PDB file of N, CA and C in Angstrom:
ATOM      1  N   MET A   1      76.291  90.485  86.975  1.00  0.00           N
ATOM      2  CA  MET A   1      76.007  90.034  88.342  1.00  0.00           C
ATOM      3  C   MET A   1      76.029  88.493  88.424  1.00  0.00           C
ATOM      4  N   PRO A   2      76.440  88.028  89.548  1.00  0.00           N
ATOM      5  CA  PRO A   2      76.439  86.617  89.778  1.00  0.00           C
ATOM      6  C   PRO A   2      75.008  86.114  89.537  1.00  0.00           C
ATOM      7  N   PRO A   3      74.917  84.795  89.209  1.00  0.00           N
ATOM      8  CA  PRO A   3      73.514  84.174  89.096  1.00  0.00           C
ATOM      9  C   PRO A   3      72.764  84.158  90.326  1.00  0.00           C
ATOM     10  N   GLY A   4      71.589  84.466  90.334  1.00  0.00           N
ATOM     11  CA  GLY A   4      70.617  84.448  91.420  1.00  0.00           C
ATOM     12  C   GLY A   4      70.737  85.741  92.351  1.00  0.00           C
ATOM     13  N   PHE A   5      71.557  86.728  92.023  1.00  0.00           N
ATOM     14  CA  PHE A   5      71.681  87.886  92.850  1.00  0.00           C
ATOM     15  C   PHE A   5      70.281  88.524  92.677  1.00  0.00           C
ATOM     16  N   PRO A   6      69.629  88.985  93.907  1.00  0.00           N
ATOM     17  CA  PRO A   6      68.347  89.639  93.816  1.00  0.00           C
ATOM     18  C   PRO A   6      68.383  90.867  93.052  1.00  0.00           C
ATOM     19  N   ALA A   7      67.445  90.972  92.018  1.00  0.00           N
ATOM     20  CA  ALA A   7      67.333  92.218  91.131  1.00  0.00           C
ATOM     21  C   ALA A   7      67.019  93.416  91.735  1.00  0.00           C
ATOM     22  N   ASP A   8      66.354  93.356  92.849  1.00  0.00           N
ATOM     23  CA  ASP A   8      65.958  94.825  93.390  1.00  0.00           C
ATOM     24  C   ASP A   8      66.988  95.405  94.388  1.00  0.00           C
ATOM     25  N   ILE A   9      68.189  94.707  94.530  1.00  0.00           N
ATOM     26  CA  ILE A   9      69.110  95.425  95.294  1.00  0.00           C
ATOM     27  C   ILE A   9      69.859  96.485  94.430  1.00  0.00           C
ATOM     28  N   PRO A  10      69.896  97.658  94.826  1.00  0.00           N
ATOM     29  CA  PRO A  10      70.365  98.819  93.908  1.00  0.00           C
ATOM     30  C   PRO A  10      71.859  98.757  93.761  1.00  0.00           C
ATOM     31  N   ILE A  11      72.312  98.984  92.622  1.00  0.00           N
ATOM     32  CA  ILE A  11      73.697  98.963  92.185  1.00  0.00           C
ATOM     33  C   ILE A  11      73.968 100.356  91.834  1.00  0.00           C
ATOM     34  N   TYR A  12      75.098 100.875  92.218  1.00  0.00           N
ATOM     35  CA  TYR A  12      75.336 102.316  92.076  1.00  0.00           C
ATOM     36  C   TYR A  12      75.650 102.713  90.616  1.00  0.00           C
ATOM     37  N   THR A  13      74.825 103.562  90.121  1.00  0.00           N
ATOM     38  CA  THR A  13      74.821 103.994  88.664  1.00  0.00           C
ATOM     39  C   THR A  13      76.139 104.471  88.271  1.00  0.00           C
ATOM     40  N   GLY A  14      76.605 103.801  87.104  1.00  0.00           N
ATOM     41  CA  GLY A  14      77.884 104.106  86.600  1.00  0.00           C
ATOM     42  C   GLY A  14      79.056 103.371  87.131  1.00  0.00           C
ATOM     43  N   ALA A  15      78.887 102.692  88.221  1.00  0.00           N
ATOM     44  CA  ALA A  15      80.139 102.107  88.709  1.00  0.00           C
ATOM     45  C   ALA A  15      80.434 100.807  87.943  1.00  0.00           C
ATOM     46  N   ARG A  16      81.767 100.591  87.983  1.00  0.00           N
ATOM     47  CA  ARG A  16      82.288  99.423  87.246  1.00  0.00           C
ATOM     48  C   ARG A  16      82.625  98.273  88.204  1.00  0.00           C
ATOM     49  N   LEU A  17      81.814  97.221  87.817  1.00  0.00           N
ATOM     50  CA  LEU A  17      82.057  95.909  88.667  1.00  0.00           C
ATOM     51  C   LEU A  17      83.514  95.396  88.367  1.00  0.00           C
ATOM     52  N   THR A  18      84.229  95.218  89.509  1.00  0.00           N
ATOM     53  CA  THR A  18      85.631  94.752  89.459  1.00  0.00           C
ATOM     54  C   THR A  18      85.865  93.499  90.015  1.00  0.00           C
ATOM     55  N   ALA A  19      84.857  92.962  90.886  1.00  0.00           N
ATOM     56  CA  ALA A  19      85.087  91.661  91.456  1.00  0.00           C
ATOM     57  C   ALA A  19      83.773  91.083  91.888  1.00  0.00           C
ATOM     58  N   ALA A  20      83.478  89.740  91.768  1.00  0.00           N
ATOM     59  CA  ALA A  20      82.136  89.226  92.242  1.00  0.00           C
ATOM     60  C   ALA A  20      82.370  87.771  92.477  1.00  0.00           C
ATOM     61  N   ALA A  21      81.755  87.225  93.442  1.00  0.00           N
ATOM     62  CA  ALA A  21      81.859  85.866  93.849  1.00  0.00           C
ATOM     63  C   ALA A  21      80.463  85.513  94.491  1.00  0.00           C
ATOM     64  N   SER A  22      80.203  84.184  94.436  1.00  0.00           N
ATOM     65  CA  SER A  22      79.006  83.684  95.215  1.00  0.00           C
ATOM     66  C   SER A  22      79.218  82.324  95.631  1.00  0.00           C
ATOM     67  N   PHE A  23      78.556  81.878  96.709  1.00  0.00           N
ATOM     68  CA  PHE A  23      78.776  80.477  97.102  1.00  0.00           C
ATOM     69  C   PHE A  23      77.450  80.176  98.016  1.00  0.00           C
ATOM     70  N   THR A  24      77.408  78.844  98.042  1.00  0.00           N
ATOM     71  CA  THR A  24      76.114  78.350  98.965  1.00  0.00           C
ATOM     72  C   THR A  24      76.710  77.398  99.990  1.00  0.00           C
ATOM     73  N   SER A  25      76.342  77.594 101.301  1.00  0.00           N
ATOM     74  CA  SER A  25      76.879  76.804 102.312  1.00  0.00           C
ATOM     75  C   SER A  25      75.822  76.808 103.562  1.00  0.00           C
ATOM     76  N   SER A  26      75.647  75.756 104.202  1.00  0.00           N
ATOM     77  CA  SER A  26      74.870  75.750 105.395  1.00  0.00           C
ATOM     78  C   SER A  26      73.504  76.333 105.245  1.00  0.00           C
ATOM     79  N   GLY A  27      72.848  76.132 104.190  1.00  0.00           N
ATOM     80  CA  GLY A  27      71.503  76.611 103.942  1.00  0.00           C
ATOM     81  C   GLY A  27      71.441  78.101 103.618  1.00  0.00           C
ATOM     82  N   GLN A  28      72.581  78.770 103.239  1.00  0.00           N
ATOM     83  CA  GLN A  28      72.562  80.187 102.838  1.00  0.00           C
ATOM     84  C   GLN A  28      73.328  80.328 101.488  1.00  0.00           C
ATOM     85  N   ALA A  29      72.842  81.295 100.771  1.00  0.00           N
ATOM     86  CA  ALA A  29      73.623  81.705  99.521  1.00  0.00           C
ATOM     87  C   ALA A  29      74.268  82.985  99.918  1.00  0.00           C
ATOM     88  N   ALA A  30      75.490  83.233  99.474  1.00  0.00           N
ATOM     89  CA  ALA A  30      76.200  84.509  99.813  1.00  0.00           C
ATOM     90  C   ALA A  30      76.789  84.965  98.566  1.00  0.00           C
ATOM     91  N   TRP A  31      76.872  86.277  98.551  1.00  0.00           N
ATOM     92  CA  TRP A  31      77.511  87.039  97.414  1.00  0.00           C
ATOM     93  C   TRP A  31      78.407  88.167  97.873  1.00  0.00           C
ATOM     94  N   GLY A  32      79.391  88.486  97.282  1.00  0.00           N
ATOM     95  CA  GLY A  32      80.371  89.515  97.560  1.00  0.00           C
ATOM     96  C   GLY A  32      80.761  90.211  96.150  1.00  0.00           C
ATOM     97  N   MET A  33      80.772  91.477  96.181  1.00  0.00           N
ATOM     98  CA  MET A  33      81.020  92.214  94.944  1.00  0.00           C
ATOM     99  C   MET A  33      81.705  93.551  95.368  1.00  0.00           C
ATOM    100  N   GLU A  34      82.541  93.962  94.483  1.00  0.00           N
ATOM    101  CA  GLU A  34      83.257  95.250  94.430  1.00  0.00           C
ATOM    102  C   GLU A  34      83.089  96.077  93.139  1.00  0.00           C
ATOM    103  N   TRP A  35      82.881  97.347  93.236  1.00  0.00           N
ATOM    104  CA  TRP A  35      82.663  98.127  92.116  1.00  0.00           C
ATOM    105  C   TRP A  35      83.700  99.430  92.335  1.00  0.00           C
ATOM    106  N   GLN A  36      83.903 100.002  91.362  1.00  0.00           N
ATOM    107  CA  GLN A  36      84.739 101.383  91.434  1.00  0.00           C
ATOM    108  C   GLN A  36      83.973 102.410  90.638  1.00  0.00           C
ATOM    109  N   THR A  37      84.101 103.725  91.234  1.00  0.00           N
ATOM    110  CA  THR A  37      83.571 104.887  90.641  1.00  0.00           C
ATOM    111  C   THR A  37      84.507 106.068  90.935  1.00  0.00           C
ATOM    112  N   LEU A  38      84.377 106.983  90.074  1.00  0.00           N
ATOM    113  CA  LEU A  38      85.153 108.354  90.327  1.00  0.00           C
ATOM    114  C   LEU A  38      84.252 109.253  91.138  1.00  0.00           C
ATOM    115  N   ASP A  39      82.967 108.840  91.506  1.00  0.00           N
ATOM    116  CA  ASP A  39      82.239 109.733  92.348  1.00  0.00           C
ATOM    117  C   ASP A  39      82.778 109.665  93.680  1.00  0.00           C
ATOM    118  N   GLY A  40      82.483 110.748  94.531  1.00  0.00           N
ATOM    119  CA  GLY A  40      82.941 110.714  95.853  1.00  0.00           C
ATOM    120  C   GLY A  40      81.979 109.821  96.871  1.00  0.00           C
ATOM    121  N   VAL A  41      82.704 109.378  97.920  1.00  0.00           N
ATOM    122  CA  VAL A  41      82.015 108.521  98.891  1.00  0.00           C
ATOM    123  C   VAL A  41      80.643 109.228  99.400  1.00  0.00           C
ATOM    124  N   ASP A  42      80.582 110.588  99.597  1.00  0.00           N
ATOM    125  CA  ASP A  42      79.359 111.232 100.115  1.00  0.00           C
ATOM    126  C   ASP A  42      78.260 110.961  99.145  1.00  0.00           C
ATOM    127  N   LYS A  43      78.426 111.134  97.787  1.00  0.00           N
ATOM    128  CA  LYS A  43      77.537 110.817  96.806  1.00  0.00           C
ATOM    129  C   LYS A  43      76.940 109.326  96.733  1.00  0.00           C
ATOM    130  N   VAL A  44      77.966 108.327  96.988  1.00  0.00           N
ATOM    131  CA  VAL A  44      77.628 107.042  97.102  1.00  0.00           C
ATOM    132  C   VAL A  44      76.803 106.666  98.195  1.00  0.00           C
ATOM    133  N   LEU A  45      77.152 107.111  99.344  1.00  0.00           N
ATOM    134  CA  LEU A  45      76.476 107.058 100.621  1.00  0.00           C
ATOM    135  C   LEU A  45      75.001 107.619 100.439  1.00  0.00           C
ATOM    136  N   ALA A  46      74.878 108.750  99.890  1.00  0.00           N
ATOM    137  CA  ALA A  46      73.625 109.318  99.691  1.00  0.00           C
ATOM    138  C   ALA A  46      72.646 108.473  98.741  1.00  0.00           C
ATOM    139  N   PHE A  47      73.211 107.914  97.644  1.00  0.00           N
ATOM    140  CA  PHE A  47      72.507 107.087  96.882  1.00  0.00           C
ATOM    141  C   PHE A  47      71.994 105.909  97.644  1.00  0.00           C
ATOM    142  N   TYR A  48      72.782 105.155  98.402  1.00  0.00           N
ATOM    143  CA  TYR A  48      72.386 103.986  99.095  1.00  0.00           C
ATOM    144  C   TYR A  48      71.446 104.202 100.269  1.00  0.00           C
ATOM    145  N   LYS A  49      71.658 105.421 100.854  1.00  0.00           N
ATOM    146  CA  LYS A  49      70.757 105.839 101.969  1.00  0.00           C
ATOM    147  C   LYS A  49      69.410 105.927 101.373  1.00  0.00           C
ATOM    148  N   THR A  50      69.263 106.531 100.207  1.00  0.00           N
ATOM    149  CA  THR A  50      68.071 106.787  99.570  1.00  0.00           C
ATOM    150  C   THR A  50      67.238 105.437  99.075  1.00  0.00           C
ATOM    151  N   LYS A  51      68.107 104.598  98.222  1.00  0.00           N
ATOM    152  CA  LYS A  51      67.523 103.498  97.727  1.00  0.00           C
ATOM    153  C   LYS A  51      67.285 102.381  98.687  1.00  0.00           C
ATOM    154  N   LEU A  52      68.100 102.318  99.609  1.00  0.00           N
ATOM    155  CA  LEU A  52      67.844 101.204 100.654  1.00  0.00           C
ATOM    156  C   LEU A  52      67.131 101.693 101.814  1.00  0.00           C
ATOM    157  N   SER A  53      66.359 102.835 101.566  1.00  0.00           N
ATOM    158  CA  SER A  53      65.161 103.200 102.570  1.00  0.00           C
ATOM    159  C   SER A  53      63.936 103.056 101.849  1.00  0.00           C
ATOM    160  N   GLN A  54      63.857 102.695 100.698  1.00  0.00           N
ATOM    161  CA  GLN A  54      62.665 102.450  99.889  1.00  0.00           C
ATOM    162  C   GLN A  54      62.213 101.020  99.779  1.00  0.00           C
ATOM    163  N   GLY A  55      60.879 100.824  99.581  1.00  0.00           N
ATOM    164  CA  GLY A  55      60.400  99.487  99.289  1.00  0.00           C
ATOM    165  C   GLY A  55      60.744  98.615 100.611  1.00  0.00           C
ATOM    166  N   ASP A  56      61.091  97.478 100.198  1.00  0.00           N
ATOM    167  CA  ASP A  56      61.253  96.365 101.411  1.00  0.00           C
ATOM    168  C   ASP A  56      62.637  96.443 101.958  1.00  0.00           C
ATOM    169  N   TRP A  57      63.506  97.495 101.841  1.00  0.00           N
ATOM    170  CA  TRP A  57      64.699  97.573 102.391  1.00  0.00           C
ATOM    171  C   TRP A  57      64.898  98.578 103.487  1.00  0.00           C
ATOM    172  N   GLN A  58      65.846  98.236 104.295  1.00  0.00           N
ATOM    173  CA  GLN A  58      66.248  99.282 105.424  1.00  0.00           C
ATOM    174  C   GLN A  58      67.696  99.242 105.592  1.00  0.00           C
ATOM    175  N   ILE A  59      68.243 100.446 106.033  1.00  0.00           N
ATOM    176  CA  ILE A  59      69.670 100.572 106.031  1.00  0.00           C
ATOM    177  C   ILE A  59      70.086 101.291 107.296  1.00  0.00           C
ATOM    178  N   THR A  60      71.198 100.845 107.903  1.00  0.00           N
ATOM    179  CA  THR A  60      71.699 101.521 109.119  1.00  0.00           C
ATOM    180  C   THR A  60      73.110 101.846 108.876  1.00  0.00           C
ATOM    181  N   VAL A  61      73.579 103.094 108.913  1.00  0.00           N
ATOM    182  CA  VAL A  61      74.935 103.550 108.652  1.00  0.00           C
ATOM    183  C   VAL A  61      75.598 103.361 109.870  1.00  0.00           C
ATOM    184  N   ASN A  62      76.649 102.531 109.888  1.00  0.00           N
ATOM    185  CA  ASN A  62      77.437 102.218 111.098  1.00  0.00           C
ATOM    186  C   ASN A  62      78.626 103.175 111.354  1.00  0.00           C
ATOM    187  N   GLY A  63      79.087 103.780 110.309  1.00  0.00           N
ATOM    188  CA  GLY A  63      80.257 104.678 110.351  1.00  0.00           C
ATOM    189  C   GLY A  63      80.423 105.399 109.193  1.00  0.00           C
ATOM    190  N   ASN A  64      80.823 106.639 109.350  1.00  0.00           N
ATOM    191  CA  ASN A  64      81.068 107.619 108.052  1.00  0.00           C
ATOM    192  C   ASN A  64      82.171 108.549 108.555  1.00  0.00           C
ATOM    193  N   ALA A  65      83.294 108.437 108.074  1.00  0.00           N
ATOM    194  CA  ALA A  65      84.316 109.321 108.460  1.00  0.00           C
ATOM    195  C   ALA A  65      85.500 109.145 107.517  1.00  0.00           C
ATOM    196  N   ASN A  66      86.343 110.174 107.366  1.00  0.00           N
ATOM    197  CA  ASN A  66      87.677 110.040 106.775  1.00  0.00           C
ATOM    198  C   ASN A  66      87.587 109.486 105.315  1.00  0.00           C
ATOM    199  N   GLY A  67      86.547 109.984 104.589  1.00  0.00           N
ATOM    200  CA  GLY A  67      86.392 109.383 103.184  1.00  0.00           C
ATOM    201  C   GLY A  67      86.000 107.943 103.075  1.00  0.00           C
ATOM    202  N   ALA A  68      85.264 107.443 104.028  1.00  0.00           N
ATOM    203  CA  ALA A  68      84.724 106.058 104.076  1.00  0.00           C
ATOM    204  C   ALA A  68      83.385 105.942 104.766  1.00  0.00           C
ATOM    205  N   PHE A  69      82.603 104.860 104.433  1.00  0.00           N
ATOM    206  CA  PHE A  69      81.434 104.602 105.234  1.00  0.00           C
ATOM    207  C   PHE A  69      81.173 103.182 105.303  1.00  0.00           C
ATOM    208  N   ALA A  70      80.527 102.750 106.386  1.00  0.00           N
ATOM    209  CA  ALA A  70      80.144 101.313 106.514  1.00  0.00           C
ATOM    210  C   ALA A  70      78.787 101.420 106.910  1.00  0.00           C
ATOM    211  N   ALA A  71      77.929 100.408 106.325  1.00  0.00           N
ATOM    212  CA  ALA A  71      76.425 100.196 106.580  1.00  0.00           C
ATOM    213  C   ALA A  71      75.928  98.876 106.563  1.00  0.00           C
ATOM    214  N   SER A  72      74.938  98.570 107.379  1.00  0.00           N
ATOM    215  CA  SER A  72      74.257  97.253 107.180  1.00  0.00           C
ATOM    216  C   SER A  72      72.979  97.382 106.568  1.00  0.00           C
ATOM    217  N   TYR A  73      72.377  96.508 105.910  1.00  0.00           N
ATOM    218  CA  TYR A  73      71.072  96.622 105.234  1.00  0.00           C
ATOM    219  C   TYR A  73      70.334  95.186 105.345  1.00  0.00           C
ATOM    220  N   SER A  74      69.013  95.291 105.221  1.00  0.00           N
ATOM    221  CA  SER A  74      68.232  94.061 105.293  1.00  0.00           C
ATOM    222  C   SER A  74      66.766  94.318 104.762  1.00  0.00           C
ATOM    223  N   ARG A  75      66.108  93.294 104.460  1.00  0.00           N
ATOM    224  CA  ARG A  75      64.706  93.397 104.076  1.00  0.00           C
ATOM    225  C   ARG A  75      63.948  93.711 105.377  1.00  0.00           C
ATOM    226  N   LYS A  76      62.851  94.414 105.100  1.00  0.00           N
ATOM    227  CA  LYS A  76      61.994  94.746 106.338  1.00  0.00           C
ATOM    228  C   LYS A  76      61.201  93.450 106.512  1.00  0.00           C
ATOM    229  N   SER A  77      60.711  92.786 105.486  1.00  0.00           N
ATOM    230  CA  SER A  77      59.952  91.567 105.611  1.00  0.00           C
ATOM    231  C   SER A  77      60.596  90.320 106.081  1.00  0.00           C
ATOM    232  N   ASN A  78      62.040  90.301 106.028  1.00  0.00           N
ATOM    233  CA  ASN A  78      62.887  89.259 106.456  1.00  0.00           C
ATOM    234  C   ASN A  78      64.336  89.690 106.747  1.00  0.00           C
ATOM    235  N   SER A  79      64.476  90.044 108.056  1.00  0.00           N
ATOM    236  CA  SER A  79      65.749  90.718 108.370  1.00  0.00           C
ATOM    237  C   SER A  79      66.966  89.583 108.328  1.00  0.00           C
ATOM    238  N   LYS A  80      66.665  88.328 108.025  1.00  0.00           N
ATOM    239  CA  LYS A  80      67.740  87.385 107.726  1.00  0.00           C
ATOM    240  C   LYS A  80      68.358  87.529 106.482  1.00  0.00           C
ATOM    241  N   LEU A  81      67.701  88.305 105.513  1.00  0.00           N
ATOM    242  CA  LEU A  81      68.231  88.614 104.254  1.00  0.00           C
ATOM    243  C   LEU A  81      68.827  89.895 104.189  1.00  0.00           C
ATOM    244  N   GLY A  82      70.114  89.976 104.174  1.00  0.00           N
ATOM    245  CA  GLY A  82      70.783  91.304 104.261  1.00  0.00           C
ATOM    246  C   GLY A  82      72.147  91.132 104.208  1.00  0.00           C
ATOM    247  N   GLY A  83      72.903  92.255 104.478  1.00  0.00           N
ATOM    248  CA  GLY A  83      74.325  92.303 104.379  1.00  0.00           C
ATOM    249  C   GLY A  83      75.041  93.624 104.737  1.00  0.00           C
ATOM    250  N   LEU A  84      76.188  93.744 104.183  1.00  0.00           N
ATOM    251  CA  LEU A  84      76.981  94.956 104.579  1.00  0.00           C
ATOM    252  C   LEU A  84      77.293  95.670 103.182  1.00  0.00           C
ATOM    253  N   ILE A  85      77.370  97.061 103.372  1.00  0.00           N
ATOM    254  CA  ILE A  85      77.837  97.802 102.097  1.00  0.00           C
ATOM    255  C   ILE A  85      78.758  98.813 102.796  1.00  0.00           C
ATOM    256  N   GLY A  86      79.872  99.167 101.953  1.00  0.00           N
ATOM    257  CA  GLY A  86      80.743 100.173 102.436  1.00  0.00           C
ATOM    258  C   GLY A  86      81.438 100.808 101.211  1.00  0.00           C
ATOM    259  N   ALA A  87      82.099 101.885 101.349  1.00  0.00           N
ATOM    260  CA  ALA A  87      82.873 102.561 100.419  1.00  0.00           C
ATOM    261  C   ALA A  87      84.031 103.229 100.988  1.00  0.00           C
ATOM    262  N   ASP A  88      85.149 103.268 100.221  1.00  0.00           N
ATOM    263  CA  ASP A  88      86.385 103.964 100.550  1.00  0.00           C
ATOM    264  C   ASP A  88      86.943 104.776  99.367  1.00  0.00           C
ATOM    265  N   GLY A  89      87.109 106.017  99.611  1.00  0.00           N
ATOM    266  CA  GLY A  89      87.580 106.812  98.690  1.00  0.00           C
ATOM    267  C   GLY A  89      88.875 107.417  98.867  1.00  0.00           C
ATOM    268  N   THR A  90      89.628 106.800  99.730  1.00  0.00           N
ATOM    269  CA  THR A  90      91.012 107.437 100.202  1.00  0.00           C
ATOM    270  C   THR A  90      92.016 107.344  99.149  1.00  0.00           C
ATOM    271  N   SER A  91      91.863 106.466  98.132  1.00  0.00           N
ATOM    272  CA  SER A  91      92.751 106.322  97.184  1.00  0.00           C
ATOM    273  C   SER A  91      92.508 107.203  95.899  1.00  0.00           C
ATOM    274  N   GLY A  92      91.477 108.086  96.001  1.00  0.00           N
ATOM    275  CA  GLY A  92      91.118 108.892  94.890  1.00  0.00           C
ATOM    276  C   GLY A  92      90.012 108.180  93.912  1.00  0.00           C
ATOM    277  N   ILE A  93      89.899 106.876  94.033  1.00  0.00           N
ATOM    278  CA  ILE A  93      88.872 106.182  93.235  1.00  0.00           C
ATOM    279  C   ILE A  93      87.994 105.570  94.428  1.00  0.00           C
ATOM    280  N   THR A  94      86.686 105.607  94.354  1.00  0.00           N
ATOM    281  CA  THR A  94      85.905 105.077  95.417  1.00  0.00           C
ATOM    282  C   THR A  94      85.595 103.576  95.060  1.00  0.00           C
ATOM    283  N   ARG A  95      86.070 102.889  96.018  1.00  0.00           N
ATOM    284  CA  ARG A  95      85.777 101.458  96.080  1.00  0.00           C
ATOM    285  C   ARG A  95      84.500 101.034  96.860  1.00  0.00           C
ATOM    286  N   ILE A  96      83.582 100.512  96.071  1.00  0.00           N
ATOM    287  CA  ILE A  96      82.284 100.167  96.892  1.00  0.00           C
ATOM    288  C   ILE A  96      82.180  98.568  96.941  1.00  0.00           C
ATOM    289  N   THR A  97      82.046  98.192  98.171  1.00  0.00           N
ATOM    290  CA  THR A  97      82.001  96.733  98.509  1.00  0.00           C
ATOM    291  C   THR A  97      80.622  96.401  99.056  1.00  0.00           C
ATOM    292  N   LEU A  98      80.089  95.325  98.663  1.00  0.00           N
ATOM    293  CA  LEU A  98      78.775  94.875  99.087  1.00  0.00           C
ATOM    294  C   LEU A  98      78.722  93.302  99.178  1.00  0.00           C
ATOM    295  N   SER A  99      78.229  92.891 100.539  1.00  0.00           N
ATOM    296  CA  SER A  99      77.989  91.437 100.762  1.00  0.00           C
ATOM    297  C   SER A  99      76.502  91.201 101.057  1.00  0.00           C
ATOM    298  N   LEU A 100      76.046  90.171 100.657  1.00  0.00           N
ATOM    299  CA  LEU A 100      74.538  89.785 100.961  1.00  0.00           C
ATOM    300  C   LEU A 100      74.549  88.303 101.279  1.00  0.00           C
ATOM    301  N   VAL A 101      73.630  87.909 102.149  1.00  0.00           N
ATOM    302  CA  VAL A 101      73.486  86.673 102.659  1.00  0.00           C
ATOM    303  C   VAL A 101      71.946  86.325 102.499  1.00  0.00           C
ATOM    304  N   VAL A 102      71.572  85.222 101.845  1.00  0.00           N
ATOM    305  CA  VAL A 102      70.183  84.962 101.596  1.00  0.00           C
ATOM    306  C   VAL A 102      69.913  83.457 102.189  1.00  0.00           C
ATOM    307  N   PRO A 103      68.869  83.380 103.109  1.00  0.00           N
ATOM    308  CA  PRO A 103      68.659  81.914 103.457  1.00  0.00           C
ATOM    309  C   PRO A 103      68.000  81.201 102.223  1.00  0.00           C
ATOM    310  N   THR A 104      68.446  79.854 102.059  1.00  0.00           N
ATOM    311  CA  THR A 104      67.942  79.085 100.949  1.00  0.00           C
ATOM    312  C   THR A 104      66.920  78.063 101.384  1.00  0.00           C
TER     313      THR A 104
END
């Protein structure tokens, strides 16, 4: 994981990290990551709906159709800390993408 990435953000079990980047600008730190898994999108969505509904996290699923989903998530205690998560399984391998923005 990129340096400084919050340890309490759930990472899908068994997924392989394929890309990661981070940068700081205008008083914010941002991360973007991509993983791959052979598990289906429905299983990935269920994982994140469960994990990001616990503790200090909340999730809102914005769309779920045709082998893909998109959702936004944030901390309950600080809604400025959050990002987007999505998955697309239309190629036969599920790609999970996650972005996160944190005020610095």
